[in-house]
């Protein structure tokens, strides 16, 4: 198992009801696996936000959801932001 720290921003934070949380996943889990787990953990309005969100892994933008998550890594959930 590996633990990833998930940090939520803006509307994702409001939908999750927490600023951050630990997510335990099997070793070798991907960003897509983490997002699927988050959908299950927060079935209310977070899944809709996850559909449009961007993700950072340890501060680097994710272009491929099949990217493996590093052990003890950090996953940021960034909903679309208005303005500039």
PDB file of N, CA and C in Angstrom:
ATOM      1  N   UNK A   1       0.847  -1.198   0.000  1.00  0.00           N
ATOM      2  CA  UNK A   1       0.000   0.000   0.000  1.00  0.00           C
ATOM      3  C   UNK A   1       0.877   1.239   0.000  1.00  0.00           C
ATOM      4  N   UNK A   2       0.336   2.282  -0.563  1.00  0.00           N
ATOM      5  CA  UNK A   2       1.003   3.568  -0.541  1.00  0.00           C
ATOM      6  C   UNK A   2      -0.006   4.620  -0.086  1.00  0.00           C
ATOM      7  N   UNK A   3       0.480   5.649   0.552  1.00  0.00           N
ATOM      8  CA  UNK A   3      -0.384   6.730   1.006  1.00  0.00           C
ATOM      9  C   UNK A   3      -0.054   7.987   0.219  1.00  0.00           C
ATOM     10  N   UNK A   4      -1.096   8.606  -0.316  1.00  0.00           N
ATOM     11  CA  UNK A   4      -0.959   9.847  -1.073  1.00  0.00           C
ATOM     12  C   UNK A   4      -1.730  10.924  -0.323  1.00  0.00           C
ATOM     13  N   UNK A   5      -1.152  12.093  -0.200  1.00  0.00           N
ATOM     14  CA  UNK A   5      -1.854  13.222   0.411  1.00  0.00           C
ATOM     15  C   UNK A   5      -2.595  13.960  -0.692  1.00  0.00           C
ATOM     16  N   UNK A   6      -3.904  14.065  -0.573  1.00  0.00           N
ATOM     17  CA  UNK A   6      -4.740  14.765  -1.551  1.00  0.00           C
ATOM     18  C   UNK A   6      -5.062  16.139  -0.993  1.00  0.00           C
ATOM     19  N   UNK A   7      -4.771  17.168  -1.793  1.00  0.00           N
ATOM     20  CA  UNK A   7      -5.111  18.542  -1.390  1.00  0.00           C
ATOM     21  C   UNK A   7      -6.164  19.065  -2.351  1.00  0.00           C
ATOM     22  N   UNK A   8      -7.212  19.673  -1.792  1.00  0.00           N
ATOM     23  CA  UNK A   8      -8.322  20.201  -2.583  1.00  0.00           C
ATOM     24  C   UNK A   8      -8.267  21.720  -2.593  1.00  0.00           C
ATOM     25  N   UNK A   9      -8.653  22.292  -3.720  1.00  0.00           N
ATOM     26  CA  UNK A   9      -8.664  23.747  -3.856  1.00  0.00           C
ATOM     27  C   UNK A   9     -10.038  24.212  -4.321  1.00  0.00           C
ATOM     28  N   UNK A  10     -10.415  25.420  -3.887  1.00  0.00           N
ATOM     29  CA  UNK A  10     -11.639  26.115  -4.295  1.00  0.00           C
ATOM     30  C   UNK A  10     -12.870  25.216  -4.161  1.00  0.00           C
ATOM     31  N   UNK A  11     -13.647  25.045  -5.242  1.00  0.00           N
ATOM     32  CA  UNK A  11     -14.898  24.283  -5.150  1.00  0.00           C
ATOM     33  C   UNK A  11     -14.660  22.810  -4.833  1.00  0.00           C
ATOM     34  N   UNK A  12     -13.508  22.283  -5.177  1.00  0.00           N
ATOM     35  CA  UNK A  12     -13.198  20.891  -4.822  1.00  0.00           C
ATOM     36  C   UNK A  12     -13.093  20.756  -3.301  1.00  0.00           C
ATOM     37  N   UNK A  13     -12.518  21.754  -2.660  1.00  0.00           N
ATOM     38  CA  UNK A  13     -12.417  21.748  -1.193  1.00  0.00           C
ATOM     39  C   UNK A  13     -13.814  21.774  -0.569  1.00  0.00           C
ATOM     40  N   UNK A  14     -14.664  22.625  -1.093  1.00  0.00           N
ATOM     41  CA  UNK A  14     -16.027  22.705  -0.558  1.00  0.00           C
ATOM     42  C   UNK A  14     -16.778  21.393  -0.767  1.00  0.00           C
ATOM     43  N   UNK A  15     -16.623  20.772  -1.922  1.00  0.00           N
ATOM     44  CA  UNK A  15     -17.332  19.524  -2.215  1.00  0.00           C
ATOM     45  C   UNK A  15     -16.816  18.362  -1.369  1.00  0.00           C
ATOM     46  N   UNK A  16     -15.512  18.321  -1.131  1.00  0.00           N
ATOM     47  CA  UNK A  16     -14.928  17.245  -0.327  1.00  0.00           C
ATOM     48  C   UNK A  16     -15.174  17.466   1.163  1.00  0.00           C
ATOM     49  N   UNK A  17     -15.329  18.721   1.547  1.00  0.00           N
ATOM     50  CA  UNK A  17     -15.555  19.034   2.953  1.00  0.00           C
ATOM     51  C   UNK A  17     -14.292  19.037   3.798  1.00  0.00           C
ATOM     52  N   UNK A  18     -13.152  18.914   3.149  1.00  0.00           N
ATOM     53  CA  UNK A  18     -11.861  18.944   3.835  1.00  0.00           C
ATOM     54  C   UNK A  18     -10.849  19.658   2.945  1.00  0.00           C
ATOM     55  N   UNK A  19      -9.825  20.200   3.578  1.00  0.00           N
ATOM     56  CA  UNK A  19      -8.754  20.860   2.834  1.00  0.00           C
ATOM     57  C   UNK A  19      -7.805  19.835   2.224  1.00  0.00           C
ATOM     58  N   UNK A  20      -7.535  18.782   2.991  1.00  0.00           N
ATOM     59  CA  UNK A  20      -6.660  17.712   2.511  1.00  0.00           C
ATOM     60  C   UNK A  20      -6.982  16.438   3.265  1.00  0.00           C
ATOM     61  N   UNK A  21      -6.533  15.326   2.718  1.00  0.00           N
ATOM     62  CA  UNK A  21      -6.745  14.038   3.366  1.00  0.00           C
ATOM     63  C   UNK A  21      -5.747  13.025   2.831  1.00  0.00           C
ATOM     64  N   UNK A  22      -5.537  11.980   3.609  1.00  0.00           N
ATOM     65  CA  UNK A  22      -4.674  10.877   3.191  1.00  0.00           C
ATOM     66  C   UNK A  22      -5.527   9.846   2.463  1.00  0.00           C
ATOM     67  N   UNK A  23      -4.973   9.310   1.388  1.00  0.00           N
ATOM     68  CA  UNK A  23      -5.662   8.301   0.596  1.00  0.00           C
ATOM     69  C   UNK A  23      -4.730   7.110   0.452  1.00  0.00           C
ATOM     70  N   UNK A  24      -5.161   5.963   0.955  1.00  0.00           N
ATOM     71  CA  UNK A  24      -4.360   4.748   0.840  1.00  0.00           C
ATOM     72  C   UNK A  24      -4.763   4.004  -0.420  1.00  0.00           C
ATOM     73  N   UNK A  25      -3.751   3.656  -1.209  1.00  0.00           N
ATOM     74  CA  UNK A  25      -3.964   2.976  -2.477  1.00  0.00           C
ATOM     75  C   UNK A  25      -2.977   1.821  -2.604  1.00  0.00           C
ATOM     76  N   UNK A  26      -3.283   0.859  -3.450  1.00  0.00           N
ATOM     77  CA  UNK A  26      -2.318  -0.223  -3.680  1.00  0.00           C
ATOM     78  C   UNK A  26      -1.034   0.329  -4.305  1.00  0.00           C
ATOM     79  N   UNK A  27       0.068  -0.321  -4.039  1.00  0.00           N
ATOM     80  CA  UNK A  27       1.338   0.077  -4.660  1.00  0.00           C
ATOM     81  C   UNK A  27       1.156   0.049  -6.175  1.00  0.00           C
ATOM     82  N   UNK A  28       1.724   1.030  -6.844  1.00  0.00           N
ATOM     83  CA  UNK A  28       1.617   1.116  -8.298  1.00  0.00           C
ATOM     84  C   UNK A  28       0.351   1.782  -8.791  1.00  0.00           C
ATOM     85  N   UNK A  29      -0.460   2.328  -7.877  1.00  0.00           N
ATOM     86  CA  UNK A  29      -1.702   2.990  -8.266  1.00  0.00           C
ATOM     87  C   UNK A  29      -1.410   4.216  -9.126  1.00  0.00           C
ATOM     88  N   UNK A  30      -2.352   4.539  -9.979  1.00  0.00           N
ATOM     89  CA  UNK A  30      -2.222   5.666 -10.891  1.00  0.00           C
ATOM     90  C   UNK A  30      -3.097   6.836 -10.434  1.00  0.00           C
ATOM     91  N   UNK A  31      -2.948   7.960 -11.117  1.00  0.00           N
ATOM     92  CA  UNK A  31      -3.815   9.115 -10.855  1.00  0.00           C
ATOM     93  C   UNK A  31      -5.266   8.709 -11.081  1.00  0.00           C
ATOM     94  N   UNK A  32      -5.545   7.951 -12.129  1.00  0.00           N
ATOM     95  CA  UNK A  32      -6.913   7.496 -12.408  1.00  0.00           C
ATOM     96  C   UNK A  32      -7.451   6.651 -11.254  1.00  0.00           C
ATOM     97  N   UNK A  33      -6.611   5.811 -10.672  1.00  0.00           N
ATOM     98  CA  UNK A  33      -7.039   5.007  -9.521  1.00  0.00           C
ATOM     99  C   UNK A  33      -7.402   5.907  -8.338  1.00  0.00           C
ATOM    100  N   UNK A  34      -6.594   6.932  -8.111  1.00  0.00           N
ATOM    101  CA  UNK A  34      -6.868   7.860  -7.011  1.00  0.00           C
ATOM    102  C   UNK A  34      -8.175   8.603  -7.239  1.00  0.00           C
ATOM    103  N   UNK A  35      -8.395   9.056  -8.474  1.00  0.00           N
ATOM    104  CA  UNK A  35      -9.632   9.778  -8.782  1.00  0.00           C
ATOM    105  C   UNK A  35     -10.837   8.860  -8.581  1.00  0.00           C
ATOM    106  N   UNK A  36     -10.738   7.616  -8.993  1.00  0.00           N
ATOM    107  CA  UNK A  36     -11.834   6.661  -8.786  1.00  0.00           C
ATOM    108  C   UNK A  36     -12.116   6.478  -7.296  1.00  0.00           C
ATOM    109  N   UNK A  37     -11.072   6.383  -6.492  1.00  0.00           N
ATOM    110  CA  UNK A  37     -11.246   6.240  -5.043  1.00  0.00           C
ATOM    111  C   UNK A  37     -11.900   7.483  -4.445  1.00  0.00           C
ATOM    112  N   UNK A  38     -11.536   8.660  -4.949  1.00  0.00           N
ATOM    113  CA  UNK A  38     -12.127   9.898  -4.444  1.00  0.00           C
ATOM    114  C   UNK A  38     -13.604   9.988  -4.802  1.00  0.00           C
ATOM    115  N   UNK A  39     -13.977   9.510  -5.976  1.00  0.00           N
ATOM    116  CA  UNK A  39     -15.388   9.491  -6.373  1.00  0.00           C
ATOM    117  C   UNK A  39     -16.207   8.639  -5.398  1.00  0.00           C
ATOM    118  N   UNK A  40     -15.648   7.517  -4.983  1.00  0.00           N
ATOM    119  CA  UNK A  40     -16.330   6.628  -4.049  1.00  0.00           C
ATOM    120  C   UNK A  40     -16.393   7.236  -2.651  1.00  0.00           C
ATOM    121  N   UNK A  41     -15.300   7.855  -2.244  1.00  0.00           N
ATOM    122  CA  UNK A  41     -15.225   8.429  -0.894  1.00  0.00           C
ATOM    123  C   UNK A  41     -16.131   9.634  -0.733  1.00  0.00           C
ATOM    124  N   UNK A  42     -16.290  10.428  -1.790  1.00  0.00           N
ATOM    125  CA  UNK A  42     -17.086  11.668  -1.736  1.00  0.00           C
ATOM    126  C   UNK A  42     -18.111  11.651  -2.877  1.00  0.00           C
ATOM    127  N   UNK A  43     -19.184  10.862  -2.747  1.00  0.00           N
ATOM    128  CA  UNK A  43     -20.117  10.681  -3.863  1.00  0.00           C
ATOM    129  C   UNK A  43     -21.042  11.863  -4.158  1.00  0.00           C
ATOM    130  N   UNK A  44     -21.076  12.868  -3.332  1.00  0.00           N
ATOM    131  CA  UNK A  44     -21.972  14.011  -3.547  1.00  0.00           C
ATOM    132  C   UNK A  44     -21.639  14.801  -4.800  1.00  0.00           C
ATOM    133  N   UNK A  45     -21.120  15.990  -4.635  1.00  0.00           N
ATOM    134  CA  UNK A  45     -20.833  16.854  -5.780  1.00  0.00           C
ATOM    135  C   UNK A  45     -19.382  16.769  -6.260  1.00  0.00           C
ATOM    136  N   UNK A  46     -18.518  16.093  -5.519  1.00  0.00           N
ATOM    137  CA  UNK A  46     -17.113  16.023  -5.941  1.00  0.00           C
ATOM    138  C   UNK A  46     -16.915  15.312  -7.280  1.00  0.00           C
ATOM    139  N   UNK A  47     -17.618  14.212  -7.587  1.00  0.00           N
ATOM    140  CA  UNK A  47     -17.388  13.559  -8.878  1.00  0.00           C
ATOM    141  C   UNK A  47     -17.562  14.495 -10.083  1.00  0.00           C
ATOM    142  N   UNK A  48     -18.538  15.368 -10.020  1.00  0.00           N
ATOM    143  CA  UNK A  48     -18.755  16.325 -11.118  1.00  0.00           C
ATOM    144  C   UNK A  48     -17.558  17.271 -11.258  1.00  0.00           C
ATOM    145  N   UNK A  49     -17.029  17.696 -10.136  1.00  0.00           N
ATOM    146  CA  UNK A  49     -15.864  18.582 -10.149  1.00  0.00           C
ATOM    147  C   UNK A  49     -14.637  17.836 -10.656  1.00  0.00           C
ATOM    148  N   UNK A  50     -14.490  16.579 -10.264  1.00  0.00           N
ATOM    149  CA  UNK A  50     -13.342  15.791 -10.727  1.00  0.00           C
ATOM    150  C   UNK A  50     -13.344  15.631 -12.246  1.00  0.00           C
ATOM    151  N   UNK A  51     -14.542  15.598 -12.853  1.00  0.00           N
ATOM    152  CA  UNK A  51     -14.636  15.477 -14.310  1.00  0.00           C
ATOM    153  C   UNK A  51     -13.948  16.633 -15.034  1.00  0.00           C
ATOM    154  N   UNK A  52     -13.976  17.813 -14.432  1.00  0.00           N
ATOM    155  CA  UNK A  52     -13.423  19.007 -15.074  1.00  0.00           C
ATOM    156  C   UNK A  52     -12.091  19.451 -14.482  1.00  0.00           C
ATOM    157  N   UNK A  53     -11.664  18.800 -13.412  1.00  0.00           N
ATOM    158  CA  UNK A  53     -10.474  19.241 -12.678  1.00  0.00           C
ATOM    159  C   UNK A  53      -9.175  18.925 -13.413  1.00  0.00           C
ATOM    160  N   UNK A  54      -8.160  19.673 -13.032  1.00  0.00           N
ATOM    161  CA  UNK A  54      -6.783  19.387 -13.410  1.00  0.00           C
ATOM    162  C   UNK A  54      -6.103  18.835 -12.162  1.00  0.00           C
ATOM    163  N   UNK A  55      -5.026  18.096 -12.371  1.00  0.00           N
ATOM    164  CA  UNK A  55      -4.342  17.471 -11.257  1.00  0.00           C
ATOM    165  C   UNK A  55      -2.850  17.742 -11.326  1.00  0.00           C
ATOM    166  N   UNK A  56      -2.253  17.897 -10.160  1.00  0.00           N
ATOM    167  CA  UNK A  56      -0.806  18.011 -10.035  1.00  0.00           C
ATOM    168  C   UNK A  56      -0.327  16.860  -9.165  1.00  0.00           C
ATOM    169  N   UNK A  57       0.772  16.250  -9.544  1.00  0.00           N
ATOM    170  CA  UNK A  57       1.419  15.245  -8.710  1.00  0.00           C
ATOM    171  C   UNK A  57       2.755  15.820  -8.292  1.00  0.00           C
ATOM    172  N   UNK A  58       2.909  16.018  -7.004  1.00  0.00           N
ATOM    173  CA  UNK A  58       4.120  16.634  -6.458  1.00  0.00           C
ATOM    174  C   UNK A  58       4.472  17.922  -7.202  1.00  0.00           C
ATOM    175  N   UNK A  59       3.433  18.726  -7.501  1.00  0.00           N
ATOM    176  CA  UNK A  59       3.618  20.029  -8.107  1.00  0.00           C
ATOM    177  C   UNK A  59       3.758  20.042  -9.613  1.00  0.00           C
ATOM    178  N   UNK A  60       3.659  18.885 -10.273  1.00  0.00           N
ATOM    179  CA  UNK A  60       3.818  18.803 -11.731  1.00  0.00           C
ATOM    180  C   UNK A  60       2.472  18.432 -12.357  1.00  0.00           C
ATOM    181  N   UNK A  61       2.071  19.181 -13.392  1.00  0.00           N
ATOM    182  CA  UNK A  61       0.795  18.939 -14.053  1.00  0.00           C
ATOM    183  C   UNK A  61       0.734  17.526 -14.624  1.00  0.00           C
ATOM    184  N   UNK A  62      -0.417  16.907 -14.465  1.00  0.00           N
ATOM    185  CA  UNK A  62      -0.652  15.551 -14.968  1.00  0.00           C
ATOM    186  C   UNK A  62      -1.281  15.649 -16.347  1.00  0.00           C
ATOM    187  N   UNK A  63      -0.639  15.036 -17.320  1.00  0.00           N
ATOM    188  CA  UNK A  63      -1.177  14.991 -18.678  1.00  0.00           C
ATOM    189  C   UNK A  63      -1.753  13.609 -18.991  1.00  0.00           C
ATOM    190  N   UNK A  64      -1.335  12.593 -18.233  1.00  0.00           N
ATOM    191  CA  UNK A  64      -1.747  11.218 -18.459  1.00  0.00           C
ATOM    192  C   UNK A  64      -2.263  10.637 -17.142  1.00  0.00           C
ATOM    193  N   UNK A  65      -3.557  10.333 -17.096  1.00  0.00           N
ATOM    194  CA  UNK A  65      -4.162   9.818 -15.861  1.00  0.00           C
ATOM    195  C   UNK A  65      -3.621   8.449 -15.469  1.00  0.00           C
ATOM    196  N   UNK A  66      -2.919   7.795 -16.371  1.00  0.00           N
ATOM    197  CA  UNK A  66      -2.325   6.489 -16.052  1.00  0.00           C
ATOM    198  C   UNK A  66      -0.934   6.644 -15.440  1.00  0.00           C
ATOM    199  N   UNK A  67      -0.564   7.872 -15.129  1.00  0.00           N
ATOM    200  CA  UNK A  67       0.720   8.121 -14.477  1.00  0.00           C
ATOM    201  C   UNK A  67       0.709   7.497 -13.083  1.00  0.00           C
ATOM    202  N   UNK A  68       1.723   6.694 -12.751  1.00  0.00           N
ATOM    203  CA  UNK A  68       1.790   6.114 -11.410  1.00  0.00           C
ATOM    204  C   UNK A  68       2.006   7.203 -10.350  1.00  0.00           C
ATOM    205  N   UNK A  69       1.413   6.987  -9.205  1.00  0.00           N
ATOM    206  CA  UNK A  69       1.597   7.908  -8.082  1.00  0.00           C
ATOM    207  C   UNK A  69       2.804   7.465  -7.260  1.00  0.00           C
ATOM    208  N   UNK A  70       3.672   8.412  -6.903  1.00  0.00           N
ATOM    209  CA  UNK A  70       4.807   8.038  -6.056  1.00  0.00           C
ATOM    210  C   UNK A  70       4.347   7.770  -4.626  1.00  0.00           C
ATOM    211  N   UNK A  71       5.023   6.862  -3.958  1.00  0.00           N
ATOM    212  CA  UNK A  71       4.729   6.601  -2.546  1.00  0.00           C
ATOM    213  C   UNK A  71       4.932   7.893  -1.763  1.00  0.00           C
ATOM    214  N   UNK A  72       4.015   8.158  -0.864  1.00  0.00           N
ATOM    215  CA  UNK A  72       4.070   9.366  -0.032  1.00  0.00           C
ATOM    216  C   UNK A  72       4.028  10.641  -0.874  1.00  0.00           C
ATOM    217  N   UNK A  73       3.430  10.559  -2.057  1.00  0.00           N
ATOM    218  CA  UNK A  73       3.333  11.723  -2.941  1.00  0.00           C
ATOM    219  C   UNK A  73       2.162  12.613  -2.559  1.00  0.00           C
ATOM    220  N   UNK A  74       1.998  13.657  -3.346  1.00  0.00           N
ATOM    221  CA  UNK A  74       0.942  14.633  -3.106  1.00  0.00           C
ATOM    222  C   UNK A  74       0.159  14.826  -4.403  1.00  0.00           C
ATOM    223  N   UNK A  75      -1.160  14.738  -4.328  1.00  0.00           N
ATOM    224  CA  UNK A  75      -2.041  14.934  -5.470  1.00  0.00           C
ATOM    225  C   UNK A  75      -2.902  16.159  -5.199  1.00  0.00           C
ATOM    226  N   UNK A  76      -2.780  17.164  -6.041  1.00  0.00           N
ATOM    227  CA  UNK A  76      -3.576  18.378  -5.908  1.00  0.00           C
ATOM    228  C   UNK A  76      -4.749  18.305  -6.881  1.00  0.00           C
ATOM    229  N   UNK A  77      -5.943  18.648  -6.411  1.00  0.00           N
ATOM    230  CA  UNK A  77      -7.149  18.668  -7.225  1.00  0.00           C
ATOM    231  C   UNK A  77      -7.507  20.135  -7.463  1.00  0.00           C
ATOM    232  N   UNK A  78      -7.408  20.553  -8.734  1.00  0.00           N
ATOM    233  CA  UNK A  78      -7.620  21.950  -9.100  1.00  0.00           C
ATOM    234  C   UNK A  78      -8.831  22.062 -10.014  1.00  0.00           C
ATOM    235  N   UNK A  79      -9.961  22.550  -9.515  1.00  0.00           N
ATOM    236  CA  UNK A  79     -11.117  22.738 -10.373  1.00  0.00           C
ATOM    237  C   UNK A  79     -10.845  23.903 -11.323  1.00  0.00           C
ATOM    238  N   UNK A  80     -11.643  24.009 -12.392  1.00  0.00           N
ATOM    239  CA  UNK A  80     -11.462  25.168 -13.285  1.00  0.00           C
ATOM    240  C   UNK A  80     -11.672  26.472 -12.495  1.00  0.00           C
ATOM    241  N   UNK A  81     -10.828  27.417 -12.761  1.00  0.00           N
ATOM    242  CA  UNK A  81     -10.919  28.709 -12.084  1.00  0.00           C
ATOM    243  C   UNK A  81     -11.418  29.748 -13.083  1.00  0.00           C
ATOM    244  N   UNK A  82     -12.264  30.654 -12.617  1.00  0.00           N
ATOM    245  CA  UNK A  82     -12.749  31.752 -13.455  1.00  0.00           C
ATOM    246  C   UNK A  82     -11.778  32.920 -13.354  1.00  0.00           C
ATOM    247  N   UNK A  83     -11.779  33.740 -14.352  1.00  0.00           N
ATOM    248  CA  UNK A  83     -10.934  34.931 -14.319  1.00  0.00           C
ATOM    249  C   UNK A  83      -9.525  34.662 -14.805  1.00  0.00           C
ATOM    250  N   UNK A  84      -8.629  35.579 -14.514  1.00  0.00           N
ATOM    251  CA  UNK A  84      -7.283  35.407 -15.043  1.00  0.00           C
ATOM    252  C   UNK A  84      -6.235  35.736 -14.101  1.00  0.00           C
TER     253      UNK A  84
END
